[in-house]
Amino acid sequence: MEGILRDHLLDHVDTNHIISVKQHGFVRGRSCLTNLLETLEEWTSALDKGYGIDAIHVDYRKAFDTVPHKTRHEIAKLWNRWKAVEMVKRFFNS
């Protein structure tokens, strides 16, 4: 049952272009590797055209190291529940 719902939701998201083409995580056929390759391609193109590149790396893991595990788990459960409910609502309203 979960697989069927997941497949229908993913098809709906793909068909209606709900997720940006820039999104790589949790999308069929995309991954961290494809994200890095596209970024490298854009940077190389910019450098070839004579532009400079500024990059900032933000490590969000450090921010979550200070939040107790139980609190993170509860926040994740609430967030996932809310996102699932919103996706199902949009699916049935369209």
N, C-alpha and C. Protein backbone atom coordinates (compact mmCIF):
# COMPACT_ATOMS: atom_id res chain seq x y z
N MET A 1 0.83 -1.20 0.00
CA MET A 1 0.00 0.00 0.00
C MET A 1 0.87 1.26 0.00
N GLU A 2 1.91 1.28 0.85
CA GLU A 2 2.78 2.44 0.91
C GLU A 2 3.49 2.66 -0.42
N GLY A 3 3.90 1.57 -1.05
CA GLY A 3 4.58 1.68 -2.34
C GLY A 3 3.67 2.25 -3.41
N ILE A 4 2.41 1.84 -3.40
CA ILE A 4 1.44 2.33 -4.38
C ILE A 4 1.23 3.83 -4.19
N LEU A 5 1.03 4.24 -2.94
CA LEU A 5 0.83 5.66 -2.65
C LEU A 5 2.08 6.46 -3.04
N ARG A 6 3.27 5.95 -2.69
CA ARG A 6 4.52 6.63 -3.03
C ARG A 6 4.63 6.79 -4.55
N ASP A 7 4.36 5.72 -5.29
CA ASP A 7 4.46 5.79 -6.75
C ASP A 7 3.51 6.81 -7.34
N HIS A 8 2.26 6.83 -6.84
CA HIS A 8 1.28 7.80 -7.34
C HIS A 8 1.70 9.23 -7.01
N LEU A 9 2.19 9.43 -5.79
CA LEU A 9 2.62 10.77 -5.42
C LEU A 9 3.81 11.23 -6.25
N LEU A 10 4.78 10.34 -6.46
CA LEU A 10 5.94 10.70 -7.27
C LEU A 10 5.55 10.98 -8.71
N ASP A 11 4.63 10.18 -9.25
CA ASP A 11 4.14 10.44 -10.61
C ASP A 11 3.46 11.80 -10.69
N HIS A 12 2.64 12.12 -9.68
CA HIS A 12 1.94 13.40 -9.63
C HIS A 12 2.95 14.55 -9.57
N VAL A 13 3.96 14.41 -8.71
CA VAL A 13 4.98 15.44 -8.56
C VAL A 13 5.75 15.61 -9.86
N ASP A 14 6.10 14.52 -10.53
CA ASP A 14 6.82 14.59 -11.80
C ASP A 14 5.97 15.22 -12.90
N THR A 15 4.75 14.76 -13.03
CA THR A 15 3.85 15.22 -14.09
C THR A 15 3.55 16.71 -13.97
N ASN A 16 3.35 17.19 -12.75
CA ASN A 16 2.97 18.59 -12.53
C ASN A 16 4.15 19.50 -12.23
N HIS A 17 5.36 18.97 -12.35
CA HIS A 17 6.59 19.76 -12.16
C HIS A 17 6.57 20.52 -10.84
N ILE A 18 6.19 19.82 -9.78
CA ILE A 18 6.11 20.43 -8.45
C ILE A 18 7.50 20.63 -7.86
N ILE A 19 8.40 19.71 -8.13
CA ILE A 19 9.76 19.81 -7.60
C ILE A 19 10.65 20.44 -8.66
N SER A 20 11.46 21.38 -8.23
CA SER A 20 12.37 22.10 -9.12
C SER A 20 13.35 21.15 -9.78
N VAL A 21 13.78 21.50 -10.99
CA VAL A 21 14.79 20.70 -11.68
C VAL A 21 16.13 20.80 -10.95
N LYS A 22 16.29 21.76 -10.08
CA LYS A 22 17.51 21.91 -9.29
C LYS A 22 17.56 20.95 -8.10
N GLN A 23 16.43 20.34 -7.78
CA GLN A 23 16.37 19.39 -6.66
C GLN A 23 17.01 18.07 -7.08
N HIS A 24 17.93 17.57 -6.29
CA HIS A 24 18.60 16.32 -6.62
C HIS A 24 18.33 15.23 -5.59
N GLY A 25 18.17 15.59 -4.34
CA GLY A 25 17.93 14.58 -3.32
C GLY A 25 16.51 14.05 -3.38
N PHE A 26 16.35 12.76 -3.21
CA PHE A 26 15.05 12.10 -3.14
C PHE A 26 14.25 12.23 -4.44
N VAL A 27 14.94 12.32 -5.56
CA VAL A 27 14.28 12.40 -6.86
C VAL A 27 14.84 11.28 -7.73
N ARG A 28 13.94 10.61 -8.45
CA ARG A 28 14.36 9.52 -9.33
C ARG A 28 15.41 9.99 -10.33
N GLY A 29 16.49 9.22 -10.46
CA GLY A 29 17.50 9.51 -11.46
C GLY A 29 18.46 10.63 -11.08
N ARG A 30 18.35 11.15 -9.87
CA ARG A 30 19.24 12.21 -9.43
C ARG A 30 19.82 11.85 -8.07
N SER A 31 20.98 12.43 -7.78
CA SER A 31 21.65 12.11 -6.52
C SER A 31 22.61 13.23 -6.18
N CYS A 32 23.34 13.04 -5.10
CA CYS A 32 24.39 14.01 -4.75
C CYS A 32 25.42 14.09 -5.87
N LEU A 33 25.71 12.97 -6.50
CA LEU A 33 26.69 12.95 -7.58
C LEU A 33 26.22 13.79 -8.77
N THR A 34 24.96 13.64 -9.18
CA THR A 34 24.47 14.45 -10.30
C THR A 34 24.46 15.93 -9.94
N ASN A 35 24.18 16.23 -8.68
CA ASN A 35 24.22 17.62 -8.23
C ASN A 35 25.63 18.19 -8.35
N LEU A 36 26.62 17.43 -7.90
CA LEU A 36 28.01 17.87 -7.99
C LEU A 36 28.46 18.02 -9.44
N LEU A 37 28.06 17.08 -10.30
CA LEU A 37 28.44 17.16 -11.71
C LEU A 37 27.84 18.37 -12.40
N GLU A 38 26.57 18.67 -12.12
CA GLU A 38 25.95 19.86 -12.71
C GLU A 38 26.61 21.14 -12.21
N THR A 39 26.92 21.16 -10.92
CA THR A 39 27.59 22.34 -10.35
C THR A 39 28.95 22.54 -10.99
N LEU A 40 29.71 21.47 -11.12
CA LEU A 40 31.03 21.54 -11.76
C LEU A 40 30.91 22.05 -13.20
N GLU A 41 29.90 21.58 -13.90
CA GLU A 41 29.68 22.02 -15.28
C GLU A 41 29.38 23.52 -15.34
N GLU A 42 28.53 24.00 -14.43
CA GLU A 42 28.19 25.43 -14.40
C GLU A 42 29.40 26.27 -14.04
N TRP A 43 30.19 25.82 -13.08
CA TRP A 43 31.38 26.56 -12.68
C TRP A 43 32.41 26.59 -13.81
N THR A 44 32.61 25.47 -14.46
CA THR A 44 33.56 25.41 -15.56
C THR A 44 33.13 26.34 -16.69
N SER A 45 31.86 26.35 -17.00
CA SER A 45 31.33 27.24 -18.04
C SER A 45 31.55 28.70 -17.67
N ALA A 46 31.28 29.04 -16.40
CA ALA A 46 31.47 30.43 -15.95
C ALA A 46 32.94 30.83 -16.04
N LEU A 47 33.83 29.94 -15.62
CA LEU A 47 35.27 30.24 -15.69
C LEU A 47 35.73 30.39 -17.13
N ASP A 48 35.21 29.54 -18.02
CA ASP A 48 35.56 29.64 -19.45
C ASP A 48 35.14 30.98 -20.04
N LYS A 49 34.05 31.55 -19.52
CA LYS A 49 33.56 32.84 -20.01
C LYS A 49 34.23 34.02 -19.31
N GLY A 50 35.15 33.72 -18.39
CA GLY A 50 35.88 34.78 -17.72
C GLY A 50 35.27 35.28 -16.43
N TYR A 51 34.23 34.64 -15.96
CA TYR A 51 33.60 35.04 -14.71
C TYR A 51 34.35 34.42 -13.53
N GLY A 52 34.24 35.06 -12.37
CA GLY A 52 34.80 34.50 -11.14
C GLY A 52 33.73 33.71 -10.41
N ILE A 53 34.16 32.92 -9.46
CA ILE A 53 33.23 32.10 -8.69
C ILE A 53 33.50 32.31 -7.20
N ASP A 54 32.45 32.56 -6.46
CA ASP A 54 32.51 32.59 -5.00
C ASP A 54 31.65 31.44 -4.50
N ALA A 55 32.15 30.69 -3.56
CA ALA A 55 31.40 29.55 -3.03
C ALA A 55 31.43 29.59 -1.51
N ILE A 56 30.31 29.25 -0.91
CA ILE A 56 30.21 29.16 0.55
C ILE A 56 29.72 27.76 0.89
N HIS A 57 30.43 27.11 1.77
CA HIS A 57 30.02 25.78 2.23
C HIS A 57 29.42 25.92 3.62
N VAL A 58 28.21 25.44 3.79
CA VAL A 58 27.54 25.48 5.08
C VAL A 58 27.32 24.04 5.55
N ASP A 59 27.85 23.72 6.70
CA ASP A 59 27.72 22.38 7.26
C ASP A 59 26.59 22.38 8.28
N TYR A 60 25.40 21.98 7.84
CA TYR A 60 24.23 21.98 8.72
C TYR A 60 24.29 20.90 9.79
N ARG A 61 25.12 19.91 9.59
CA ARG A 61 25.23 18.84 10.59
C ARG A 61 25.63 19.40 11.94
N LYS A 62 26.50 20.39 11.95
CA LYS A 62 26.96 20.98 13.21
C LYS A 62 25.79 21.64 13.95
N ALA A 63 24.88 22.24 13.22
CA ALA A 63 23.73 22.87 13.87
C ALA A 63 22.86 21.84 14.58
N PHE A 64 22.73 20.67 13.99
CA PHE A 64 21.88 19.64 14.58
C PHE A 64 22.60 18.85 15.66
N ASP A 65 23.92 18.99 15.77
CA ASP A 65 24.64 18.32 16.85
C ASP A 65 24.24 18.85 18.22
N THR A 66 23.76 20.09 18.27
CA THR A 66 23.41 20.70 19.55
C THR A 66 21.98 20.42 19.97
N VAL A 67 21.18 19.87 19.08
CA VAL A 67 19.78 19.54 19.40
C VAL A 67 19.71 18.10 19.87
N PRO A 68 19.08 17.86 21.04
CA PRO A 68 18.98 16.49 21.53
C PRO A 68 18.32 15.56 20.50
N HIS A 69 18.80 14.33 20.45
CA HIS A 69 18.30 13.36 19.48
C HIS A 69 16.79 13.19 19.55
N LYS A 70 16.25 13.10 20.75
CA LYS A 70 14.80 12.91 20.92
C LYS A 70 14.03 14.08 20.30
N THR A 71 14.52 15.29 20.49
CA THR A 71 13.85 16.46 19.92
C THR A 71 13.92 16.43 18.40
N ARG A 72 15.09 16.09 17.85
CA ARG A 72 15.22 15.98 16.39
C ARG A 72 14.26 14.96 15.84
N HIS A 73 14.15 13.84 16.53
CA HIS A 73 13.26 12.76 16.08
C HIS A 73 11.81 13.23 16.07
N GLU A 74 11.40 13.92 17.12
CA GLU A 74 10.02 14.41 17.19
C GLU A 74 9.74 15.46 16.12
N ILE A 75 10.70 16.35 15.89
CA ILE A 75 10.54 17.37 14.84
C ILE A 75 10.44 16.70 13.47
N ALA A 76 11.27 15.71 13.22
CA ALA A 76 11.25 15.00 11.94
C ALA A 76 9.92 14.29 11.74
N LYS A 77 9.40 13.66 12.78
CA LYS A 77 8.10 12.97 12.66
C LYS A 77 6.99 13.96 12.32
N LEU A 78 6.97 15.10 13.02
CA LEU A 78 5.93 16.10 12.75
C LEU A 78 6.06 16.66 11.34
N TRP A 79 7.29 16.97 10.93
CA TRP A 79 7.53 17.52 9.59
C TRP A 79 7.09 16.53 8.52
N ASN A 80 7.49 15.27 8.66
CA ASN A 80 7.14 14.26 7.67
C ASN A 80 5.64 14.05 7.61
N ARG A 81 4.99 14.05 8.75
CA ARG A 81 3.53 13.87 8.79
C ARG A 81 2.86 15.04 8.08
N TRP A 82 3.30 16.27 8.36
CA TRP A 82 2.70 17.44 7.74
C TRP A 82 2.92 17.42 6.23
N LYS A 83 4.15 17.12 5.79
CA LYS A 83 4.44 17.08 4.36
C LYS A 83 3.61 16.01 3.66
N ALA A 84 3.46 14.86 4.29
CA ALA A 84 2.67 13.78 3.68
C ALA A 84 1.21 14.20 3.54
N VAL A 85 0.67 14.82 4.56
CA VAL A 85 -0.73 15.25 4.53
C VAL A 85 -0.92 16.30 3.43
N GLU A 86 0.00 17.25 3.33
CA GLU A 86 -0.11 18.29 2.31
C GLU A 86 -0.02 17.70 0.91
N MET A 87 0.86 16.73 0.70
CA MET A 87 1.00 16.11 -0.63
C MET A 87 -0.25 15.34 -1.00
N VAL A 88 -0.82 14.64 -0.05
CA VAL A 88 -2.04 13.88 -0.32
C VAL A 88 -3.19 14.83 -0.63
N LYS A 89 -3.30 15.94 0.13
CA LYS A 89 -4.34 16.93 -0.15
C LYS A 89 -4.22 17.48 -1.57
N ARG A 90 -2.98 17.87 -1.95
CA ARG A 90 -2.78 18.40 -3.30
C ARG A 90 -3.09 17.35 -4.36
N PHE A 91 -2.71 16.11 -4.08
CA PHE A 91 -2.96 15.03 -5.03
C PHE A 91 -4.45 14.86 -5.29
N PHE A 92 -5.26 14.87 -4.23
CA PHE A 92 -6.68 14.65 -4.41
C PHE A 92 -7.43 15.91 -4.83
N ASN A 93 -6.85 17.07 -4.63
CA ASN A 93 -7.51 18.31 -5.05
C ASN A 93 -7.21 18.67 -6.51
N SER A 94 -6.28 17.95 -7.13
CA SER A 94 -5.97 18.30 -8.52
C SER A 94 -6.59 17.33 -9.49
